[in-house]
């Protein structure tokens, strides 16, 4: 995806490298919007080095990883070149990485070039050297203090799939609830979209992105720069699922569906000193509340829109000792 100067042992440059600098163009556009730029590298798999035919993708895919010194040198050289050219903020390796002590020099080069850079956890021979873990199409069940990031597509493809229909894609509601669930557990959502050959995002993916963006405009305060609350999840007596985040002395409660009653009881000792309760939206609505022996009872307005999850901001919630 860029005009590499690293010599391939078996192929000519025009057979393996792009003449156009796609990564450089993307990095320039991304950083112009003050967004961090990451580079993906498939460190453990390169079919140009693989001679064994792959007849069954799993598990033979991982049995076909090149293990030669030539490939290790080639991959190391690529990463040094990528670091020099793009100073990535995220170096995201996939599918393992060839063994060799030279990987430590790659990390050193990265962090000396960009002091704020981070790496993921898919380097294999150094399983403890990472800044965040990367579960794929999965959400851990706990709110561990180590940073993690789920990666997945809106559907089941990492790329464009012309046969994908709404049946294979997360609904807008499911996508929004997924983001809330992940953030409440101290995670990030790395969401893949698949533009077609002309660079157009398929309409069924775009509609979901727009719904997510519109929802974030009204509720981002409870998502950005937050940390897990004392508990990440709860369920009301009627089965309504709740998720929680916190920022300073403000707690955020997300109702993932519409409760069957207008009165909801939130339990917790930290809710005994609540100062105000507000329902977020295009117009923030102050809510009536009553402190109880076990927490706080909140009265919701009648007939409020529950197309997507709603967020309640509670002021006067002491910061929990588990903040990291």
Protein backbone atom coordinates (compact mmCIF):
# COMPACT_ATOMS: atom_id res chain seq x y z
CA UNK A 1 0.00 0.00 0.00
CA UNK A 2 3.02 2.27 -0.44
CA UNK A 3 6.17 2.36 -2.65
CA UNK A 4 8.44 0.31 -0.41
CA UNK A 5 12.19 0.29 -0.96
CA UNK A 6 12.63 -3.00 0.90
CA UNK A 7 13.85 -5.63 -1.54
CA UNK A 8 11.77 -8.81 -1.72
CA UNK A 9 13.95 -11.96 -1.98
CA UNK A 10 11.82 -13.53 -4.72
CA UNK A 11 9.77 -10.79 -6.42
CA UNK A 12 10.42 -7.58 -8.33
CA UNK A 13 9.24 -4.27 -6.83
CA UNK A 14 6.38 -3.92 -9.32
CA UNK A 15 5.10 -7.34 -8.27
CA UNK A 16 4.86 -6.62 -4.56
CA UNK A 17 4.67 -2.87 -3.85
CA UNK A 18 2.25 -0.17 -4.85
CA UNK A 19 3.54 2.69 -6.99
CA UNK A 20 1.10 4.99 -5.20
CA UNK A 21 1.48 5.96 -1.55
CA UNK A 22 -1.99 5.08 -0.24
CA UNK A 23 -0.83 5.10 3.40
CA UNK A 24 0.80 8.51 3.03
CA UNK A 25 -2.32 10.03 1.49
CA UNK A 26 -4.52 8.58 4.20
CA UNK A 27 -2.15 9.71 6.96
CA UNK A 28 -2.16 13.28 5.64
CA UNK A 29 -5.97 13.39 5.44
CA UNK A 30 -6.43 11.80 8.86
CA UNK A 31 -3.97 14.06 10.66
CA UNK A 32 -5.48 17.14 9.02
CA UNK A 33 -8.58 16.27 11.08
CA UNK A 34 -6.49 15.93 14.26
CA UNK A 35 -7.06 12.17 14.35
CA UNK A 36 -4.46 9.61 15.38
CA UNK A 37 -3.06 7.53 12.50
CA UNK A 38 -2.49 3.80 12.79
CA UNK A 39 -0.82 1.33 10.41
CA UNK A 40 -1.81 -2.34 10.11
CA UNK A 41 0.82 -4.97 9.28
CA UNK A 42 0.25 -8.66 8.66
CA UNK A 43 3.40 -9.80 10.40
CA UNK A 44 2.87 -13.53 10.59
CA UNK A 45 1.43 -14.27 7.17
CA UNK A 46 2.84 -13.50 3.73
CA UNK A 47 1.77 -15.72 0.86
CA UNK A 48 4.70 -14.54 -1.25
CA UNK A 49 6.94 -16.50 1.17
CA UNK A 50 4.61 -19.47 1.55
CA UNK A 51 5.07 -22.53 -0.66
CA UNK A 52 2.72 -24.92 1.13
CA UNK A 53 -0.69 -24.94 -0.59
CA UNK A 54 -3.56 -23.94 1.70
CA UNK A 55 -6.59 -26.19 1.17
CA UNK A 56 -8.37 -25.57 4.46
CA UNK A 57 -8.19 -21.96 5.68
CA UNK A 58 -8.40 -22.91 9.38
CA UNK A 59 -6.13 -24.09 10.94
CA UNK A 60 -3.75 -24.49 7.97
CA UNK A 61 -3.58 -20.72 7.66
CA UNK A 62 -1.55 -20.51 10.86
CA UNK A 63 0.51 -23.56 9.96
CA UNK A 64 1.62 -21.80 6.77
CA UNK A 65 3.35 -18.84 8.40
CA UNK A 66 6.81 -18.25 6.96
CA UNK A 67 9.50 -19.00 9.56
CA UNK A 68 12.68 -18.31 7.62
CA UNK A 69 15.33 -15.77 8.61
CA UNK A 70 14.78 -14.12 5.22
CA UNK A 71 11.16 -13.42 6.08
CA UNK A 72 12.03 -12.18 9.56
CA UNK A 73 14.55 -9.73 8.09
CA UNK A 74 12.01 -8.66 5.46
CA UNK A 75 9.27 -7.98 8.02
CA UNK A 76 11.65 -6.11 10.37
CA UNK A 77 12.86 -3.94 7.50
CA UNK A 78 9.28 -3.15 6.50
CA UNK A 79 8.38 -1.99 9.99
CA UNK A 80 11.46 0.22 10.29
CA UNK A 81 10.57 1.74 6.92
CA UNK A 82 6.93 2.29 7.95
CA UNK A 83 8.03 3.98 11.18
CA UNK A 84 10.42 6.28 9.32
CA UNK A 85 7.87 7.22 6.67
CA UNK A 86 4.69 7.65 8.74
CA UNK A 87 5.59 7.86 12.47
CA UNK A 88 2.42 5.85 13.26
CA UNK A 89 0.50 6.56 16.46
CA UNK A 90 -0.68 2.93 16.47
CA UNK A 91 1.35 0.00 15.15
CA UNK A 92 -1.21 -2.78 14.77
CA UNK A 93 0.26 -6.18 14.00
CA UNK A 94 -1.89 -9.15 13.00
CA UNK A 95 -1.60 -12.93 12.76
CA UNK A 96 1.52 -13.42 14.86
CA UNK A 97 5.05 -12.24 13.98
CA UNK A 98 8.25 -14.11 13.01
CA UNK A 99 10.51 -15.02 15.91
CA UNK A 100 13.65 -13.02 16.46
CA UNK A 101 15.19 -10.57 18.91
CA UNK A 102 15.09 -7.83 16.26
CA UNK A 103 11.46 -7.08 17.12
CA UNK A 104 12.67 -5.30 20.26
CA UNK A 105 14.64 -2.90 18.07
CA UNK A 106 11.46 -2.25 16.09
CA UNK A 107 9.61 -1.28 19.29
CA UNK A 108 12.54 0.90 20.39
CA UNK A 109 12.58 2.64 17.02
CA UNK A 110 8.82 3.23 17.18
CA UNK A 111 8.79 4.72 20.68
CA UNK A 112 11.89 6.85 20.04
CA UNK A 113 10.27 8.19 16.85
CA UNK A 114 6.82 8.77 18.35
CA UNK A 115 6.83 8.96 22.15
CA UNK A 116 3.03 8.61 22.29
CA UNK A 117 2.80 5.55 20.00
CA UNK A 118 1.09 2.35 21.15
CA UNK A 119 1.19 -1.27 19.98
CA UNK A 120 -1.39 -4.04 20.17
CA UNK A 121 -0.97 -7.56 21.56
CA UNK A 122 -0.56 -9.76 18.47
CA UNK A 123 3.25 -10.09 18.33
CA UNK A 124 3.40 -13.62 19.83
CA UNK A 125 6.98 -14.03 21.10
CA UNK A 126 6.63 -11.08 23.50
CA UNK A 127 3.08 -11.65 24.80
CA UNK A 128 3.43 -9.13 27.64
CA UNK A 129 4.69 -6.25 25.48
CA UNK A 130 1.58 -4.37 24.45
CA UNK A 131 -0.45 -1.28 25.30
CA UNK A 132 -3.87 -2.82 24.68
CA UNK A 133 -5.43 -6.18 23.86
CA UNK A 134 -7.48 -6.82 20.74
CA UNK A 135 -10.33 -9.33 21.04
CA UNK A 136 -12.00 -9.91 17.67
CA UNK A 137 -15.81 -10.04 17.37
CA UNK A 138 -15.91 -10.51 21.15
CA UNK A 139 -16.54 -8.41 24.26
CA UNK A 140 -14.84 -9.46 27.52
CA UNK A 141 -17.17 -10.04 30.44
CA UNK A 142 -15.27 -7.97 33.00
CA UNK A 143 -14.23 -4.35 33.45
CA UNK A 144 -10.51 -5.05 33.76
CA UNK A 145 -8.32 -2.02 34.22
CA UNK A 146 -6.04 -2.83 31.29
CA UNK A 147 -7.09 -1.12 28.11
CA UNK A 148 -8.61 -3.28 25.39
CA UNK A 149 -10.25 -2.79 22.02
CA UNK A 150 -12.73 -5.00 20.22
CA UNK A 151 -12.24 -5.08 16.46
CA UNK A 152 -15.05 -6.16 14.14
CA UNK A 153 -16.98 -5.19 11.04
CA UNK A 154 -20.53 -3.90 10.94
CA UNK A 155 -21.18 -7.29 9.36
CA UNK A 156 -18.89 -10.30 9.14
CA UNK A 157 -16.44 -8.94 6.57
CA UNK A 158 -13.24 -6.96 6.99
CA UNK A 159 -13.70 -5.25 3.65
CA UNK A 160 -16.27 -4.83 0.90
CA UNK A 161 -18.77 -7.65 0.46
CA UNK A 162 -21.31 -7.03 -2.28
CA UNK A 163 -23.52 -9.89 -1.07
CA UNK A 164 -23.93 -8.52 2.46
CA UNK A 165 -27.50 -7.58 3.30
CA UNK A 166 -29.19 -6.23 6.42
CA UNK A 167 -29.39 -9.82 7.65
CA UNK A 168 -25.59 -9.91 8.07
CA UNK A 169 -25.20 -6.42 9.55
CA UNK A 170 -25.66 -5.13 13.08
CA UNK A 171 -28.76 -2.96 13.33
CA UNK A 172 -28.26 0.67 14.35
CA UNK A 173 -29.71 -0.14 17.76
CA UNK A 174 -27.40 -3.13 18.22
CA UNK A 175 -24.38 -1.08 17.11
CA UNK A 176 -25.12 1.72 19.59
CA UNK A 177 -25.72 -0.77 22.42
CA UNK A 178 -22.48 -2.54 21.53
CA UNK A 179 -20.51 0.70 21.80
CA UNK A 180 -22.08 1.51 25.18
CA UNK A 181 -21.39 -1.99 26.51
CA UNK A 182 -17.74 -1.86 25.42
CA UNK A 183 -17.05 1.60 26.82
CA UNK A 184 -18.68 0.70 30.16
CA UNK A 185 -16.07 -2.08 30.45
CA UNK A 186 -13.09 0.19 29.71
CA UNK A 187 -12.82 -0.81 26.07
CA UNK A 188 -12.76 0.80 22.64
CA UNK A 189 -14.68 -0.23 19.52
CA UNK A 190 -12.58 -0.49 16.36
CA UNK A 191 -15.30 -0.70 13.71
CA UNK A 192 -14.48 -1.79 10.17
CA UNK A 193 -16.39 -0.54 7.15
CA UNK A 194 -16.00 -1.80 3.60
CA UNK A 195 -15.94 0.82 0.82
CA UNK A 196 -16.39 -0.47 -2.73
CA UNK A 197 -13.84 -0.06 -5.54
CA UNK A 198 -14.96 3.53 -6.10
CA UNK A 199 -14.53 4.40 -2.42
CA UNK A 200 -18.26 4.50 -1.67
CA UNK A 201 -19.52 3.18 1.66
CA UNK A 202 -22.47 0.81 1.02
CA UNK A 203 -25.82 2.44 1.85
CA UNK A 204 -26.77 -0.17 4.46
CA UNK A 205 -23.51 0.45 6.33
CA UNK A 206 -23.71 4.23 5.90
CA UNK A 207 -27.19 4.44 7.41
CA UNK A 208 -25.93 2.74 10.56
CA UNK A 209 -22.91 5.02 10.79
CA UNK A 210 -25.17 8.07 10.50
CA UNK A 211 -27.46 6.77 13.24
CA UNK A 212 -24.43 6.16 15.47
CA UNK A 213 -23.07 9.64 14.69
CA UNK A 214 -26.39 11.32 15.44
CA UNK A 215 -26.67 9.42 18.71
CA UNK A 216 -23.13 10.41 19.68
CA UNK A 217 -23.92 14.09 19.10
CA UNK A 218 -26.40 13.89 21.96
CA UNK A 219 -24.68 11.39 24.25
CA UNK A 220 -20.92 11.64 23.69
CA UNK A 221 -20.35 13.19 27.13
CA UNK A 222 -20.97 9.78 28.68
CA UNK A 223 -18.67 8.03 26.19
CA UNK A 224 -15.56 10.16 25.62
CA UNK A 225 -12.96 10.45 28.39
CA UNK A 226 -14.97 8.28 30.76
CA UNK A 227 -13.93 5.32 32.89
CA UNK A 228 -15.86 2.37 34.33
CA UNK A 229 -18.13 3.00 37.26
CA UNK A 230 -18.04 0.79 40.37
CA UNK A 231 -20.23 -1.59 38.38
CA UNK A 232 -20.53 -1.76 34.62
CA UNK A 233 -23.97 -3.30 34.25
CA UNK A 234 -27.24 -3.89 36.02
CA UNK A 235 -30.79 -4.94 35.21
CA UNK A 236 -34.00 -3.30 36.40
CA UNK A 237 -36.79 -5.45 37.83
CA UNK A 238 -38.60 -5.35 34.47
CA UNK A 239 -35.52 -6.67 32.65
CA UNK A 240 -34.29 -3.33 31.26
CA UNK A 241 -30.52 -3.55 30.71
CA UNK A 242 -28.35 -0.77 32.16
CA UNK A 243 -24.74 0.24 31.58
CA UNK A 244 -22.66 2.77 33.53
CA UNK A 245 -19.72 5.11 32.97
CA UNK A 246 -18.23 7.92 35.04
CA UNK A 247 -16.28 11.16 34.58
CA UNK A 248 -15.15 13.22 37.58
CA UNK A 249 -18.20 13.38 39.90
CA UNK A 250 -20.73 12.72 37.15
CA UNK A 251 -22.19 9.27 36.57
CA UNK A 252 -23.84 8.23 33.31
CA UNK A 253 -26.56 5.59 33.17
CA UNK A 254 -27.53 4.12 29.80
CA UNK A 255 -30.91 2.47 29.37
CA UNK A 256 -30.47 0.05 26.48
CA UNK A 257 -34.25 -0.31 26.04
CA UNK A 258 -37.43 1.37 27.21
CA UNK A 259 -38.47 0.51 30.78
CA UNK A 260 -42.03 -0.67 31.31
CA UNK A 261 -42.54 1.89 34.10
CA UNK A 262 -41.65 5.58 34.44
CA UNK A 263 -40.03 5.04 37.82
CA UNK A 264 -36.60 3.39 37.94
CA UNK A 265 -34.59 2.56 41.05
CA UNK A 266 -30.79 2.70 40.86
CA UNK A 267 -29.02 1.05 43.75
CA UNK A 268 -25.65 2.02 45.19
CA UNK A 269 -24.13 3.78 48.18
CA UNK A 270 -22.43 6.33 45.92
CA UNK A 271 -25.87 7.59 44.80
CA UNK A 272 -26.89 8.85 48.22
CA UNK A 273 -25.49 12.35 47.60
CA UNK A 274 -26.97 12.95 44.15
CA UNK A 275 -27.32 16.66 43.31
CA UNK A 276 -29.13 16.57 39.97
CA UNK A 277 -30.41 14.12 37.35
CA UNK A 278 -30.79 14.99 33.65
CA UNK A 279 -32.04 13.02 30.65
CA UNK A 280 -29.71 13.70 27.70
CA UNK A 281 -31.06 14.45 24.23
CA UNK A 282 -31.56 17.28 21.76
CA UNK A 283 -32.99 19.11 24.75
CA UNK A 284 -31.72 18.02 28.14
CA UNK A 285 -34.61 17.36 30.53
CA UNK A 286 -34.14 17.74 34.30
CA UNK A 287 -35.64 14.72 36.02
CA UNK A 288 -37.35 14.40 39.38
CA UNK A 289 -35.56 12.05 41.74
CA UNK A 290 -35.83 10.83 45.30
CA UNK A 291 -33.06 9.49 47.48
CA UNK A 292 -33.80 6.16 49.11
CA UNK A 293 -32.14 3.90 51.65
CA UNK A 294 -30.52 1.89 48.83
CA UNK A 295 -29.84 4.53 46.19
CA UNK A 296 -31.97 6.89 44.12
CA UNK A 297 -35.37 6.63 42.46
CA UNK A 298 -35.70 8.52 39.16
CA UNK A 299 -38.94 9.53 37.44
CA UNK A 300 -38.85 9.47 33.64
CA UNK A 301 -41.16 11.65 31.50
CA UNK A 302 -44.00 9.87 29.77
CA UNK A 303 -43.83 9.08 26.06
CA UNK A 304 -40.11 9.80 25.60
CA UNK A 305 -38.48 8.49 22.42
CA UNK A 306 -36.65 5.20 22.87
CA UNK A 307 -35.66 4.51 19.28
CA UNK A 308 -32.12 4.08 20.61
CA UNK A 309 -30.54 3.88 24.07
CA UNK A 310 -31.09 6.88 26.35
CA UNK A 311 -28.53 8.38 28.70
CA UNK A 312 -29.14 9.81 32.16
CA UNK A 313 -26.50 12.08 33.70
CA UNK A 314 -26.29 12.01 37.49
CA UNK A 315 -24.25 14.75 39.19
CA UNK A 316 -22.84 14.24 42.65
CA UNK A 317 -21.42 10.74 42.29
CA UNK A 318 -18.04 10.45 44.08
CA UNK A 319 -15.24 9.12 41.90
CA UNK A 320 -14.71 5.47 42.69
CA UNK A 321 -11.36 4.25 43.94
CA UNK A 322 -11.17 1.82 41.01
CA UNK A 323 -10.52 4.55 38.44
CA UNK A 324 -7.44 3.79 36.34
